[in-house]
């Protein structure tokens, strides 16, 4: 897809966000909005809690047990085209990262965004969930940003569904892509999603009522063909894998990791949604952001 076409798609999906934001509150055009920033409260190791607004709480669940970094070489690009730039911007030779899932409490419901690598692969998400006072049986909905193994591995224990009553939502374009892939990730995706039977729901981006609790999906393609960001209420964006190495990529959002299936599209999505969230004072929850996985910028 050409850059212009991609931007048109993203702008079309952003229309609802923009309209919602512009119709809130008062204020004259050009006035700087005073926005109270949420403060993260440590719950226990690997778990923090943020009150996003009066009805929405974000609980961060770090899946990795120990500090995690990625080598600079992951970001060199095709034919090592960015290697010199990457080494200059990241002189330590590595970039801090994490693996996160996020639990949102809203309207007396629990929504889990992604599930980490799975406890059988060393993932800590279920243990963090337990530390926060919840079990898998308490989760009402699971919404997936995409179907890489470090996002869907926690759906399974052996061959069985971990979450015994949760409804699972996945973008249809993402499902269709992995259904055609014969490699390990494609097989895992079909096995993990298939375990949920009629509790699995595929949705189209154009169906604005497809998701529960007023959550809105926005295509952020490039990392995978159906990679998706989500808007929860007016202040929270679940950013998925827009960013893999924040300390490096914040210096140049054109830098893409080798995990991005289409690096050019991924860079356009990254720039568009990071700027959009910043303009609208969104709290950004990214699955590989350092620390507790949350980025809060007032300006």
C-alpha atoms as a PDB file:
ATOM      1  CA  UNK A   1       0.000   0.000   0.000  1.00  0.00           C
ATOM      2  CA  UNK A   2       1.353   3.415  -0.889  1.00  0.00           C
ATOM      3  CA  UNK A   3       2.008   5.955   1.850  1.00  0.00           C
ATOM      4  CA  UNK A   4      -0.815   8.267   0.752  1.00  0.00           C
ATOM      5  CA  UNK A   5      -3.338   5.426   0.772  1.00  0.00           C
ATOM      6  CA  UNK A   6      -2.205   4.279   4.187  1.00  0.00           C
ATOM      7  CA  UNK A   7      -2.554   7.749   5.658  1.00  0.00           C
ATOM      8  CA  UNK A   8      -6.038   8.074   4.181  1.00  0.00           C
ATOM      9  CA  UNK A   9      -7.049   4.832   5.909  1.00  0.00           C
ATOM     10  CA  UNK A  10      -5.655   5.921   9.259  1.00  0.00           C
ATOM     11  CA  UNK A  11      -7.227   9.372   8.995  1.00  0.00           C
ATOM     12  CA  UNK A  12     -10.591   7.823   8.171  1.00  0.00           C
ATOM     13  CA  UNK A  13     -10.458   5.585  11.235  1.00  0.00           C
ATOM     14  CA  UNK A  14      -9.351   8.529  13.377  1.00  0.00           C
ATOM     15  CA  UNK A  15     -12.381  10.656  12.498  1.00  0.00           C
ATOM     16  CA  UNK A  16     -14.449   9.345  15.396  1.00  0.00           C
ATOM     17  CA  UNK A  17     -11.619  10.105  17.818  1.00  0.00           C
ATOM     18  CA  UNK A  18     -11.183  13.626  16.548  1.00  0.00           C
ATOM     19  CA  UNK A  19     -14.895  14.387  16.632  1.00  0.00           C
ATOM     20  CA  UNK A  20     -15.165  13.034  20.156  1.00  0.00           C
ATOM     21  CA  UNK A  21     -12.175  15.029  21.366  1.00  0.00           C
ATOM     22  CA  UNK A  22     -13.252  18.265  19.716  1.00  0.00           C
ATOM     23  CA  UNK A  23     -16.743  18.067  21.177  1.00  0.00           C
ATOM     24  CA  UNK A  24     -15.558  17.649  24.760  1.00  0.00           C
ATOM     25  CA  UNK A  25     -15.443  20.467  27.270  1.00  0.00           C
ATOM     26  CA  UNK A  26     -15.091  24.021  26.116  1.00  0.00           C
ATOM     27  CA  UNK A  27     -12.117  26.105  25.218  1.00  0.00           C
ATOM     28  CA  UNK A  28     -11.281  28.292  22.295  1.00  0.00           C
ATOM     29  CA  UNK A  29      -9.269  27.162  19.313  1.00  0.00           C
ATOM     30  CA  UNK A  30      -5.571  27.465  20.008  1.00  0.00           C
ATOM     31  CA  UNK A  31      -6.003  27.427  23.795  1.00  0.00           C
ATOM     32  CA  UNK A  32      -3.763  24.988  25.652  1.00  0.00           C
ATOM     33  CA  UNK A  33      -5.898  22.472  27.497  1.00  0.00           C
ATOM     34  CA  UNK A  34      -5.019  21.878  31.156  1.00  0.00           C
ATOM     35  CA  UNK A  35      -5.097  18.114  31.587  1.00  0.00           C
ATOM     36  CA  UNK A  36      -4.585  16.322  34.894  1.00  0.00           C
ATOM     37  CA  UNK A  37      -2.098  13.503  34.406  1.00  0.00           C
ATOM     38  CA  UNK A  38      -2.774  10.066  35.922  1.00  0.00           C
ATOM     39  CA  UNK A  39      -0.217   8.851  38.454  1.00  0.00           C
ATOM     40  CA  UNK A  40       0.875   5.219  38.532  1.00  0.00           C
ATOM     41  CA  UNK A  41       0.620   3.473  41.886  1.00  0.00           C
ATOM     42  CA  UNK A  42       2.749   0.383  42.496  1.00  0.00           C
ATOM     43  CA  UNK A  43       0.586  -2.595  43.470  1.00  0.00           C
ATOM     44  CA  UNK A  44       3.341  -5.207  43.673  1.00  0.00           C
ATOM     45  CA  UNK A  45       6.323  -6.307  41.598  1.00  0.00           C
ATOM     46  CA  UNK A  46       5.435  -5.943  37.929  1.00  0.00           C
ATOM     47  CA  UNK A  47       1.990  -4.456  38.573  1.00  0.00           C
ATOM     48  CA  UNK A  48       0.925  -0.806  38.685  1.00  0.00           C
ATOM     49  CA  UNK A  49      -2.481   0.876  38.697  1.00  0.00           C
ATOM     50  CA  UNK A  50      -3.558   4.173  37.113  1.00  0.00           C
ATOM     51  CA  UNK A  51      -6.905   5.914  37.439  1.00  0.00           C
ATOM     52  CA  UNK A  52      -7.458   7.112  33.884  1.00  0.00           C
ATOM     53  CA  UNK A  53     -10.802   8.768  34.613  1.00  0.00           C
ATOM     54  CA  UNK A  54     -13.703   8.365  37.026  1.00  0.00           C
ATOM     55  CA  UNK A  55     -14.827   5.076  35.458  1.00  0.00           C
ATOM     56  CA  UNK A  56     -11.634   3.622  33.977  1.00  0.00           C
ATOM     57  CA  UNK A  57      -8.671   2.040  35.762  1.00  0.00           C
ATOM     58  CA  UNK A  58      -5.610   0.688  33.957  1.00  0.00           C
ATOM     59  CA  UNK A  59      -3.650  -2.147  35.596  1.00  0.00           C
ATOM     60  CA  UNK A  60      -0.271  -2.910  34.027  1.00  0.00           C
ATOM     61  CA  UNK A  61       0.883  -6.547  34.018  1.00  0.00           C
ATOM     62  CA  UNK A  62       4.565  -7.043  33.169  1.00  0.00           C
ATOM     63  CA  UNK A  63       5.029 -10.455  31.579  1.00  0.00           C
ATOM     64  CA  UNK A  64       8.831 -10.607  31.716  1.00  0.00           C
ATOM     65  CA  UNK A  65      10.252 -11.745  35.046  1.00  0.00           C
ATOM     66  CA  UNK A  66      13.603  -9.968  34.751  1.00  0.00           C
ATOM     67  CA  UNK A  67      14.865  -6.842  32.956  1.00  0.00           C
ATOM     68  CA  UNK A  68      14.762  -7.211  29.195  1.00  0.00           C
ATOM     69  CA  UNK A  69      16.773  -5.561  26.414  1.00  0.00           C
ATOM     70  CA  UNK A  70      17.042  -5.883  22.647  1.00  0.00           C
ATOM     71  CA  UNK A  71      20.267  -5.562  20.630  1.00  0.00           C
ATOM     72  CA  UNK A  72      20.778  -2.583  18.353  1.00  0.00           C
ATOM     73  CA  UNK A  73      21.033  -4.962  15.398  1.00  0.00           C
ATOM     74  CA  UNK A  74      17.305  -5.673  15.655  1.00  0.00           C
ATOM     75  CA  UNK A  75      16.721  -2.147  14.326  1.00  0.00           C
ATOM     76  CA  UNK A  76      19.293  -2.063  11.502  1.00  0.00           C
ATOM     77  CA  UNK A  77      16.664  -2.518   8.795  1.00  0.00           C
ATOM     78  CA  UNK A  78      16.892  -4.208   5.407  1.00  0.00           C
ATOM     79  CA  UNK A  79      20.457  -4.523   4.164  1.00  0.00           C
ATOM     80  CA  UNK A  80      21.577  -2.846   7.422  1.00  0.00           C
ATOM     81  CA  UNK A  81      20.549   0.495   5.960  1.00  0.00           C
ATOM     82  CA  UNK A  82      20.043   2.142   9.379  1.00  0.00           C
ATOM     83  CA  UNK A  83      22.968   0.538  11.199  1.00  0.00           C
ATOM     84  CA  UNK A  84      25.138   3.649  11.423  1.00  0.00           C
ATOM     85  CA  UNK A  85      22.246   5.800  12.622  1.00  0.00           C
ATOM     86  CA  UNK A  86      21.102   3.219  15.151  1.00  0.00           C
ATOM     87  CA  UNK A  87      24.581   2.838  16.641  1.00  0.00           C
ATOM     88  CA  UNK A  88      24.901   6.608  16.917  1.00  0.00           C
ATOM     89  CA  UNK A  89      21.536   7.001  18.634  1.00  0.00           C
ATOM     90  CA  UNK A  90      22.012   3.995  20.924  1.00  0.00           C
ATOM     91  CA  UNK A  91      25.705   3.923  21.917  1.00  0.00           C
ATOM     92  CA  UNK A  92      25.151   1.310  24.650  1.00  0.00           C
ATOM     93  CA  UNK A  93      24.473  -1.300  21.974  1.00  0.00           C
ATOM     94  CA  UNK A  94      21.097  -2.328  23.359  1.00  0.00           C
ATOM     95  CA  UNK A  95      17.631  -0.913  24.019  1.00  0.00           C
ATOM     96  CA  UNK A  96      15.423  -1.478  27.058  1.00  0.00           C
ATOM     97  CA  UNK A  97      12.092  -3.162  26.412  1.00  0.00           C
ATOM     98  CA  UNK A  98       9.369  -5.146  28.188  1.00  0.00           C
ATOM     99  CA  UNK A  99       6.480  -7.474  27.437  1.00  0.00           C
ATOM    100  CA  UNK A 100       3.191  -6.220  28.897  1.00  0.00           C
ATOM    101  CA  UNK A 101      -0.463  -7.065  28.994  1.00  0.00           C
ATOM    102  CA  UNK A 102      -2.965  -4.522  30.263  1.00  0.00           C
ATOM    103  CA  UNK A 103      -6.095  -5.007  32.325  1.00  0.00           C
ATOM    104  CA  UNK A 104      -8.765  -2.324  32.128  1.00  0.00           C
ATOM    105  CA  UNK A 105     -11.489  -2.064  34.752  1.00  0.00           C
ATOM    106  CA  UNK A 106     -14.522  -0.214  33.386  1.00  0.00           C
ATOM    107  CA  UNK A 107     -18.237  -0.356  34.187  1.00  0.00           C
ATOM    108  CA  UNK A 108     -17.683  -3.318  36.565  1.00  0.00           C
ATOM    109  CA  UNK A 109     -16.136  -5.321  33.725  1.00  0.00           C
ATOM    110  CA  UNK A 110     -12.569  -6.527  33.198  1.00  0.00           C
ATOM    111  CA  UNK A 111     -10.954  -6.241  29.766  1.00  0.00           C
ATOM    112  CA  UNK A 112      -7.545  -7.807  29.132  1.00  0.00           C
ATOM    113  CA  UNK A 113      -5.528  -6.478  26.217  1.00  0.00           C
ATOM    114  CA  UNK A 114      -3.141  -9.217  25.011  1.00  0.00           C
ATOM    115  CA  UNK A 115      -1.890 -12.090  27.152  1.00  0.00           C
ATOM    116  CA  UNK A 116       1.923 -12.268  26.976  1.00  0.00           C
ATOM    117  CA  UNK A 117       3.954 -15.340  26.041  1.00  0.00           C
ATOM    118  CA  UNK A 118       2.182 -17.795  28.337  1.00  0.00           C
ATOM    119  CA  UNK A 119       3.195 -19.276  31.674  1.00  0.00           C
ATOM    120  CA  UNK A 120       4.585 -22.398  29.986  1.00  0.00           C
ATOM    121  CA  UNK A 121       7.101 -20.122  28.249  1.00  0.00           C
ATOM    122  CA  UNK A 122       8.076 -18.250  31.391  1.00  0.00           C
ATOM    123  CA  UNK A 123       5.444 -15.518  31.168  1.00  0.00           C
ATOM    124  CA  UNK A 124       4.396 -13.848  34.395  1.00  0.00           C
ATOM    125  CA  UNK A 125       1.086 -12.355  33.285  1.00  0.00           C
ATOM    126  CA  UNK A 126      -1.120 -14.791  35.204  1.00  0.00           C
ATOM    127  CA  UNK A 127       0.965 -14.413  38.341  1.00  0.00           C
ATOM    128  CA  UNK A 128       0.744 -10.615  38.021  1.00  0.00           C
ATOM    129  CA  UNK A 129      -3.011 -10.894  37.495  1.00  0.00           C
ATOM    130  CA  UNK A 130      -3.252 -12.937  40.680  1.00  0.00           C
ATOM    131  CA  UNK A 131      -1.162 -10.375  42.551  1.00  0.00           C
ATOM    132  CA  UNK A 132      -3.640  -7.703  41.442  1.00  0.00           C
ATOM    133  CA  UNK A 133      -6.453  -9.734  43.013  1.00  0.00           C
ATOM    134  CA  UNK A 134      -7.918 -11.392  39.927  1.00  0.00           C
ATOM    135  CA  UNK A 135      -7.978 -14.809  38.316  1.00  0.00           C
ATOM    136  CA  UNK A 136      -8.505 -15.733  34.655  1.00  0.00           C
ATOM    137  CA  UNK A 137     -12.109 -16.620  35.488  1.00  0.00           C
ATOM    138  CA  UNK A 138     -12.741 -12.965  36.388  1.00  0.00           C
ATOM    139  CA  UNK A 139     -11.843 -11.622  32.929  1.00  0.00           C
ATOM    140  CA  UNK A 140     -14.909 -10.702  30.876  1.00  0.00           C
ATOM    141  CA  UNK A 141     -13.243  -9.746  27.581  1.00  0.00           C
ATOM    142  CA  UNK A 142      -9.900 -10.234  25.857  1.00  0.00           C
ATOM    143  CA  UNK A 143      -9.052  -7.851  23.015  1.00  0.00           C
ATOM    144  CA  UNK A 144      -5.976  -8.593  20.899  1.00  0.00           C
ATOM    145  CA  UNK A 145      -3.753  -6.008  19.246  1.00  0.00           C
ATOM    146  CA  UNK A 146      -2.342  -8.689  16.928  1.00  0.00           C
ATOM    147  CA  UNK A 147      -1.407 -12.364  16.908  1.00  0.00           C
ATOM    148  CA  UNK A 148       2.342 -12.611  17.509  1.00  0.00           C
ATOM    149  CA  UNK A 149       3.242 -15.270  20.054  1.00  0.00           C
ATOM    150  CA  UNK A 150       4.179 -12.811  22.811  1.00  0.00           C
ATOM    151  CA  UNK A 151       0.624 -11.446  22.664  1.00  0.00           C
ATOM    152  CA  UNK A 152      -1.475 -14.613  22.330  1.00  0.00           C
ATOM    153  CA  UNK A 153       0.672 -17.242  24.077  1.00  0.00           C
ATOM    154  CA  UNK A 154      -1.118 -16.625  27.358  1.00  0.00           C
ATOM    155  CA  UNK A 155      -4.446 -17.668  25.862  1.00  0.00           C
ATOM    156  CA  UNK A 156      -3.477 -21.325  26.248  1.00  0.00           C
ATOM    157  CA  UNK A 157      -2.299 -23.742  28.887  1.00  0.00           C
ATOM    158  CA  UNK A 158      -1.394 -26.864  26.985  1.00  0.00           C
ATOM    159  CA  UNK A 159      -4.262 -27.264  24.531  1.00  0.00           C
ATOM    160  CA  UNK A 160      -6.888 -25.631  26.741  1.00  0.00           C
ATOM    161  CA  UNK A 161      -8.239 -22.109  27.027  1.00  0.00           C
ATOM    162  CA  UNK A 162      -6.890 -20.325  30.112  1.00  0.00           C
ATOM    163  CA  UNK A 163      -9.778 -17.862  30.346  1.00  0.00           C
ATOM    164  CA  UNK A 164     -12.855 -19.944  30.964  1.00  0.00           C
ATOM    165  CA  UNK A 165     -15.571 -17.387  30.264  1.00  0.00           C
ATOM    166  CA  UNK A 166     -13.920 -14.478  28.444  1.00  0.00           C
ATOM    167  CA  UNK A 167     -15.145 -13.358  25.047  1.00  0.00           C
ATOM    168  CA  UNK A 168     -12.140 -12.889  22.725  1.00  0.00           C
ATOM    169  CA  UNK A 169     -11.980 -10.224  20.000  1.00  0.00           C
ATOM    170  CA  UNK A 170      -9.522 -10.151  17.081  1.00  0.00           C
ATOM    171  CA  UNK A 171      -9.471  -7.994  13.928  1.00  0.00           C
ATOM    172  CA  UNK A 172     -10.726 -10.050  11.010  1.00  0.00           C
ATOM    173  CA  UNK A 173      -7.857  -8.997   8.741  1.00  0.00           C
ATOM    174  CA  UNK A 174      -5.358 -10.171  11.377  1.00  0.00           C
ATOM    175  CA  UNK A 175      -7.104 -13.515  11.776  1.00  0.00           C
ATOM    176  CA  UNK A 176      -7.270 -14.045   8.026  1.00  0.00           C
ATOM    177  CA  UNK A 177      -3.570 -13.320   7.601  1.00  0.00           C
ATOM    178  CA  UNK A 178      -2.389 -15.842  10.182  1.00  0.00           C
ATOM    179  CA  UNK A 179      -4.868 -18.445   8.925  1.00  0.00           C
ATOM    180  CA  UNK A 180      -2.839 -18.510   5.682  1.00  0.00           C
ATOM    181  CA  UNK A 181       0.570 -18.847   7.366  1.00  0.00           C
ATOM    182  CA  UNK A 182       2.039 -22.334   7.751  1.00  0.00           C
ATOM    183  CA  UNK A 183       4.866 -21.356  10.124  1.00  0.00           C
ATOM    184  CA  UNK A 184       4.953 -21.765  13.895  1.00  0.00           C
ATOM    185  CA  UNK A 185       3.279 -18.424  14.605  1.00  0.00           C
ATOM    186  CA  UNK A 186       0.406 -19.157  12.250  1.00  0.00           C
ATOM    187  CA  UNK A 187      -0.125 -22.577  13.806  1.00  0.00           C
ATOM    188  CA  UNK A 188      -0.037 -21.098  17.311  1.00  0.00           C
ATOM    189  CA  UNK A 189      -2.516 -18.374  16.351  1.00  0.00           C
ATOM    190  CA  UNK A 190      -5.057 -20.832  14.976  1.00  0.00           C
ATOM    191  CA  UNK A 191      -4.635 -23.178  17.941  1.00  0.00           C
ATOM    192  CA  UNK A 192      -4.922 -20.426  20.554  1.00  0.00           C
ATOM    193  CA  UNK A 193      -7.877 -18.689  18.948  1.00  0.00           C
ATOM    194  CA  UNK A 194      -9.594 -21.943  18.083  1.00  0.00           C
ATOM    195  CA  UNK A 195      -9.567 -22.980  21.742  1.00  0.00           C
ATOM    196  CA  UNK A 196     -12.196 -20.323  22.444  1.00  0.00           C
ATOM    197  CA  UNK A 197     -14.778 -21.722  20.030  1.00  0.00           C
ATOM    198  CA  UNK A 198     -17.877 -19.582  19.739  1.00  0.00           C
ATOM    199  CA  UNK A 199     -16.413 -17.121  22.278  1.00  0.00           C
ATOM    200  CA  UNK A 200     -14.050 -15.897  19.536  1.00  0.00           C
ATOM    201  CA  UNK A 201     -15.285 -12.844  17.633  1.00  0.00           C
ATOM    202  CA  UNK A 202     -13.705 -11.420  14.488  1.00  0.00           C
ATOM    203  CA  UNK A 203     -14.522  -7.793  13.761  1.00  0.00           C
ATOM    204  CA  UNK A 204     -14.218  -5.256  10.970  1.00  0.00           C
ATOM    205  CA  UNK A 205     -12.749  -1.812  11.599  1.00  0.00           C
ATOM    206  CA  UNK A 206     -15.857  -0.260  10.059  1.00  0.00           C
ATOM    207  CA  UNK A 207     -18.094  -1.864  12.689  1.00  0.00           C
ATOM    208  CA  UNK A 208     -17.959   0.800  15.373  1.00  0.00           C
ATOM    209  CA  UNK A 209     -20.170  -1.222  17.729  1.00  0.00           C
ATOM    210  CA  UNK A 210     -18.191  -4.466  17.468  1.00  0.00           C
ATOM    211  CA  UNK A 211     -16.346  -4.107  20.750  1.00  0.00           C
ATOM    212  CA  UNK A 212     -17.717  -3.956  24.300  1.00  0.00           C
ATOM    213  CA  UNK A 213     -17.800  -0.922  26.606  1.00  0.00           C
ATOM    214  CA  UNK A 214     -17.541   1.582  23.760  1.00  0.00           C
ATOM    215  CA  UNK A 215     -13.949   0.591  22.972  1.00  0.00           C
ATOM    216  CA  UNK A 216     -12.919   1.689  19.483  1.00  0.00           C
ATOM    217  CA  UNK A 217     -10.476  -0.117  17.199  1.00  0.00           C
ATOM    218  CA  UNK A 218      -8.156   1.736  14.833  1.00  0.00           C
ATOM    219  CA  UNK A 219      -6.019   0.086  12.162  1.00  0.00           C
ATOM    220  CA  UNK A 220      -2.307   0.619  12.793  1.00  0.00           C
ATOM    221  CA  UNK A 221      -1.029  -1.672  10.073  1.00  0.00           C
ATOM    222  CA  UNK A 222       2.566  -2.515   9.251  1.00  0.00           C
ATOM    223  CA  UNK A 223       3.819  -4.423  12.245  1.00  0.00           C
ATOM    224  CA  UNK A 224       1.347  -7.059  11.080  1.00  0.00           C
ATOM    225  CA  UNK A 225      -1.406  -6.705   8.456  1.00  0.00           C
ATOM    226  CA  UNK A 226      -4.049  -6.349  11.180  1.00  0.00           C
ATOM    227  CA  UNK A 227      -2.083  -4.676  13.948  1.00  0.00           C
ATOM    228  CA  UNK A 228      -4.557  -2.519  15.874  1.00  0.00           C
ATOM    229  CA  UNK A 229      -4.598   0.236  18.460  1.00  0.00           C
ATOM    230  CA  UNK A 230      -7.583   0.787  20.741  1.00  0.00           C
ATOM    231  CA  UNK A 231      -9.187   3.837  22.288  1.00  0.00           C
ATOM    232  CA  UNK A 232     -10.719   3.261  25.723  1.00  0.00           C
ATOM    233  CA  UNK A 233     -12.844   6.207  26.809  1.00  0.00           C
ATOM    234  CA  UNK A 234     -11.405   9.607  26.066  1.00  0.00           C
ATOM    235  CA  UNK A 235      -7.930   9.307  27.549  1.00  0.00           C
ATOM    236  CA  UNK A 236      -6.419   5.845  27.047  1.00  0.00           C
ATOM    237  CA  UNK A 237      -4.796   4.350  23.954  1.00  0.00           C
ATOM    238  CA  UNK A 238      -3.677   0.727  23.924  1.00  0.00           C
ATOM    239  CA  UNK A 239      -0.826   1.037  21.449  1.00  0.00           C
ATOM    240  CA  UNK A 240       0.183  -2.580  20.903  1.00  0.00           C
ATOM    241  CA  UNK A 241       3.541  -2.827  19.135  1.00  0.00           C
ATOM    242  CA  UNK A 242       3.813   0.660  17.675  1.00  0.00           C
ATOM    243  CA  UNK A 243       7.068   0.923  19.649  1.00  0.00           C
ATOM    244  CA  UNK A 244       9.594  -1.821  20.457  1.00  0.00           C
ATOM    245  CA  UNK A 245      12.604   0.159  21.677  1.00  0.00           C
ATOM    246  CA  UNK A 246      11.373   3.496  22.978  1.00  0.00           C
ATOM    247  CA  UNK A 247      14.691   5.070  23.982  1.00  0.00           C
ATOM    248  CA  UNK A 248      15.951   4.533  20.434  1.00  0.00           C
ATOM    249  CA  UNK A 249      12.807   4.976  18.360  1.00  0.00           C
ATOM    250  CA  UNK A 250      11.665   8.178  20.090  1.00  0.00           C
ATOM    251  CA  UNK A 251      14.686   9.843  18.492  1.00  0.00           C
ATOM    252  CA  UNK A 252      13.596   8.758  15.007  1.00  0.00           C
ATOM    253  CA  UNK A 253      10.186   7.160  14.546  1.00  0.00           C
ATOM    254  CA  UNK A 254      11.201   5.963  11.083  1.00  0.00           C
ATOM    255  CA  UNK A 255      13.397   3.299  12.691  1.00  0.00           C
ATOM    256  CA  UNK A 256      11.662  -0.079  12.581  1.00  0.00           C
ATOM    257  CA  UNK A 257      12.600  -3.405  14.188  1.00  0.00           C
ATOM    258  CA  UNK A 258      12.903  -6.581  12.168  1.00  0.00           C
ATOM    259  CA  UNK A 259       9.629  -7.734  13.761  1.00  0.00           C
ATOM    260  CA  UNK A 260       7.681  -5.283  11.574  1.00  0.00           C
ATOM    261  CA  UNK A 261       6.363  -7.227   8.581  1.00  0.00           C
ATOM    262  CA  UNK A 262       6.075  -4.032   6.516  1.00  0.00           C
ATOM    263  CA  UNK A 263       8.560  -1.530   8.010  1.00  0.00           C
ATOM    264  CA  UNK A 264       7.425   1.426   5.893  1.00  0.00           C
ATOM    265  CA  UNK A 265       3.779   1.005   6.838  1.00  0.00           C
ATOM    266  CA  UNK A 266       4.736   0.417  10.467  1.00  0.00           C
ATOM    267  CA  UNK A 267       6.705   3.679  10.552  1.00  0.00           C
ATOM    268  CA  UNK A 268       3.766   5.635   9.106  1.00  0.00           C
ATOM    269  CA  UNK A 269       1.397   4.107  11.681  1.00  0.00           C
ATOM    270  CA  UNK A 270       3.896   4.821  14.453  1.00  0.00           C
ATOM    271  CA  UNK A 271       4.266   8.484  13.543  1.00  0.00           C
ATOM    272  CA  UNK A 272       0.559   9.035  13.017  1.00  0.00           C
ATOM    273  CA  UNK A 273      -0.692   7.472  16.256  1.00  0.00           C
ATOM    274  CA  UNK A 274       2.093   8.690  18.528  1.00  0.00           C
ATOM    275  CA  UNK A 275       1.489  12.261  17.394  1.00  0.00           C
ATOM    276  CA  UNK A 276      -2.268  11.856  17.589  1.00  0.00           C
ATOM    277  CA  UNK A 277      -2.083  10.546  21.151  1.00  0.00           C
ATOM    278  CA  UNK A 278       0.260  13.356  22.137  1.00  0.00           C
ATOM    279  CA  UNK A 279      -2.015  16.014  20.651  1.00  0.00           C
ATOM    280  CA  UNK A 280      -5.016  14.605  22.511  1.00  0.00           C
ATOM    281  CA  UNK A 281      -3.165  14.087  25.812  1.00  0.00           C
ATOM    282  CA  UNK A 282      -3.767  10.348  25.686  1.00  0.00           C
ATOM    283  CA  UNK A 283      -2.217   7.906  28.121  1.00  0.00           C
ATOM    284  CA  UNK A 284      -0.305   5.449  25.911  1.00  0.00           C
ATOM    285  CA  UNK A 285      -0.089   1.840  27.049  1.00  0.00           C
ATOM    286  CA  UNK A 286       2.385   0.002  24.841  1.00  0.00           C
ATOM    287  CA  UNK A 287       3.207  -3.678  25.127  1.00  0.00           C
ATOM    288  CA  UNK A 288       6.958  -3.081  24.808  1.00  0.00           C
ATOM    289  CA  UNK A 289       7.392   0.343  26.376  1.00  0.00           C
ATOM    290  CA  UNK A 290       9.992   0.335  29.188  1.00  0.00           C
ATOM    291  CA  UNK A 291       9.157   0.579  32.886  1.00  0.00           C
ATOM    292  CA  UNK A 292       5.486  -0.141  33.506  1.00  0.00           C
ATOM    293  CA  UNK A 293       4.631   0.064  29.792  1.00  0.00           C
ATOM    294  CA  UNK A 294       2.894   3.440  30.076  1.00  0.00           C
ATOM    295  CA  UNK A 295       3.824   6.725  28.442  1.00  0.00           C
ATOM    296  CA  UNK A 296       2.195   9.910  29.725  1.00  0.00           C
ATOM    297  CA  UNK A 297       2.962  13.175  27.951  1.00  0.00           C
ATOM    298  CA  UNK A 298       1.068  16.392  28.549  1.00  0.00           C
ATOM    299  CA  UNK A 299       2.349  18.094  25.419  1.00  0.00           C
END
